[in-house]
Amino acid sequence: MNHAPVESHISTRSVRSETASRDGHPDDAHLSAYNAAFSDLGLRFRWDHATLDMLNEFNGELARITAYIERYHSHLHRAYDADFLAQLILHRKTQYYETQYYGEFGSAHSE
């Protein structure tokens, strides 16, 4: 599991090209979106396939994000409400993920 800092402000184009260059693993788009969201929010997280596999024991993305923060970055709970932080991350991740499939100006809800 790589928990090294990542560059901030990844553009949606970078997210798409990073995903396209991978070997086509079904979780690649999700990992790319999570890592872009973390970076955009200034969080020094980086998820890989091993991290995602470990978190699959939890049902739902909010539960996975919360569990990860509690296990590896519990100090953040002193500054942020756990539910708020998990929802913020998930919201940003969803924006990146939808952009990968629906383009920069489209969304899953507009079709």
Protein backbone atom coordinates (compact mmCIF):
# COMPACT_ATOMS: atom_id res chain seq x y z
CA MET A 1 0.00 0.00 0.00
CA ASN A 2 1.45 3.27 -1.11
CA HIS A 3 0.57 6.09 1.26
CA ALA A 4 3.04 8.58 -0.24
CA PRO A 5 1.99 12.11 -1.12
CA VAL A 6 0.64 12.71 -4.58
CA GLU A 7 0.62 15.81 -6.74
CA SER A 8 -2.24 18.22 -6.11
CA HIS A 9 -4.79 19.43 -8.66
CA ILE A 10 -4.83 16.53 -11.07
CA SER A 11 -6.91 17.48 -14.08
CA THR A 12 -9.69 15.23 -15.34
CA ARG A 13 -7.67 14.73 -18.51
CA SER A 14 -4.80 13.33 -16.43
CA VAL A 15 -7.20 11.03 -14.62
CA ARG A 16 -8.55 9.67 -17.89
CA SER A 17 -5.14 9.20 -19.49
CA GLU A 18 -3.77 7.50 -16.37
CA THR A 19 -6.72 5.11 -16.40
CA ALA A 20 -6.42 4.47 -20.13
CA SER A 21 -2.75 3.59 -19.80
CA ARG A 22 -3.41 0.88 -17.22
CA ASP A 23 -3.94 -2.78 -18.04
CA GLY A 24 -7.72 -2.57 -17.86
CA HIS A 25 -8.32 -3.86 -14.32
CA PRO A 26 -11.97 -3.26 -13.40
CA ASP A 27 -11.02 -1.13 -10.38
CA ASP A 28 -8.56 1.13 -12.23
CA ALA A 29 -11.12 3.86 -12.91
CA HIS A 30 -12.21 3.87 -9.27
CA LEU A 31 -8.63 3.97 -7.99
CA SER A 32 -7.77 6.79 -10.35
CA ALA A 33 -10.83 8.76 -9.22
CA TYR A 34 -10.10 8.15 -5.52
CA ASN A 35 -6.47 9.23 -5.90
CA ALA A 36 -7.45 12.33 -7.87
CA ALA A 37 -9.99 13.24 -5.17
CA PHE A 38 -7.46 12.74 -2.38
CA SER A 39 -4.92 14.88 -4.18
CA ASP A 40 -7.44 17.59 -5.00
CA LEU A 41 -8.48 17.76 -1.34
CA GLY A 42 -4.85 17.98 -0.20
CA LEU A 43 -4.93 14.58 1.48
CA ARG A 44 -1.69 12.62 1.40
CA PHE A 45 -3.38 9.31 0.59
CA ARG A 46 -2.73 7.06 -2.38
CA TRP A 47 -4.73 3.89 -2.87
CA ASP A 48 -3.64 0.91 -4.91
CA HIS A 49 -5.27 -2.45 -5.67
CA ALA A 50 -4.06 -3.94 -2.38
CA THR A 51 -5.66 -1.09 -0.41
CA LEU A 52 -8.94 -1.46 -2.26
CA ASP A 53 -8.91 -5.25 -1.76
CA MET A 54 -8.31 -4.79 1.97
CA LEU A 55 -11.22 -2.36 2.22
CA ASN A 56 -13.65 -4.64 0.36
CA GLU A 57 -14.58 -6.18 3.71
CA PHE A 58 -16.68 -3.04 4.28
CA ASN A 59 -20.04 -2.53 2.58
CA GLY A 60 -20.25 0.72 0.68
CA GLU A 61 -17.79 3.39 -0.29
CA LEU A 62 -18.46 5.66 2.71
CA ALA A 63 -17.71 2.78 5.07
CA ARG A 64 -14.50 1.97 3.18
CA ILE A 65 -13.29 5.57 3.26
CA THR A 66 -14.13 5.93 6.95
CA ALA A 67 -12.40 2.66 7.84
CA TYR A 68 -9.27 3.67 5.93
CA ILE A 69 -9.10 7.02 7.70
CA GLU A 70 -9.65 5.39 11.09
CA ARG A 71 -6.91 2.81 10.47
CA TYR A 72 -4.24 4.93 8.81
CA HIS A 73 -5.02 8.60 9.42
CA SER A 74 -6.98 8.73 12.69
CA HIS A 75 -5.34 12.06 13.52
CA LEU A 76 -7.68 13.65 10.95
CA HIS A 77 -10.63 13.00 13.27
CA ARG A 78 -9.27 15.71 15.56
CA ALA A 79 -9.79 18.31 12.82
CA TYR A 80 -12.71 16.88 10.81
CA ASP A 81 -15.95 15.10 11.51
CA ALA A 82 -15.53 11.54 10.16
CA ASP A 83 -18.84 11.52 8.27
CA PHE A 84 -18.21 14.94 6.75
CA LEU A 85 -14.72 14.01 5.55
CA ALA A 86 -15.86 10.66 4.09
CA GLN A 87 -18.76 12.32 2.27
CA LEU A 88 -16.49 15.06 0.92
CA ILE A 89 -14.02 12.50 -0.42
CA LEU A 90 -16.79 10.37 -1.94
CA HIS A 91 -18.42 13.39 -3.57
CA ARG A 92 -15.15 14.46 -5.18
CA LYS A 93 -14.33 10.87 -6.21
CA THR A 94 -17.75 10.54 -7.85
CA GLN A 95 -17.18 13.75 -9.80
CA TYR A 96 -13.88 12.43 -11.16
CA TYR A 97 -15.32 8.97 -11.88
CA GLU A 98 -18.34 10.33 -13.78
CA THR A 99 -16.12 12.69 -15.77
CA GLN A 100 -14.08 9.71 -16.98
CA TYR A 101 -17.20 8.18 -18.53
CA TYR A 102 -19.38 11.12 -19.45
CA GLY A 103 -16.87 13.80 -20.46
CA GLU A 104 -15.93 17.07 -18.86
CA PHE A 105 -19.34 18.71 -19.22
CA GLY A 106 -21.66 15.73 -18.98
CA SER A 107 -22.82 13.75 -16.01
CA ALA A 108 -24.51 10.46 -15.32
CA HIS A 109 -27.64 12.33 -14.35
CA SER A 110 -28.05 14.27 -17.60
CA GLU A 111 -28.73 11.31 -19.89
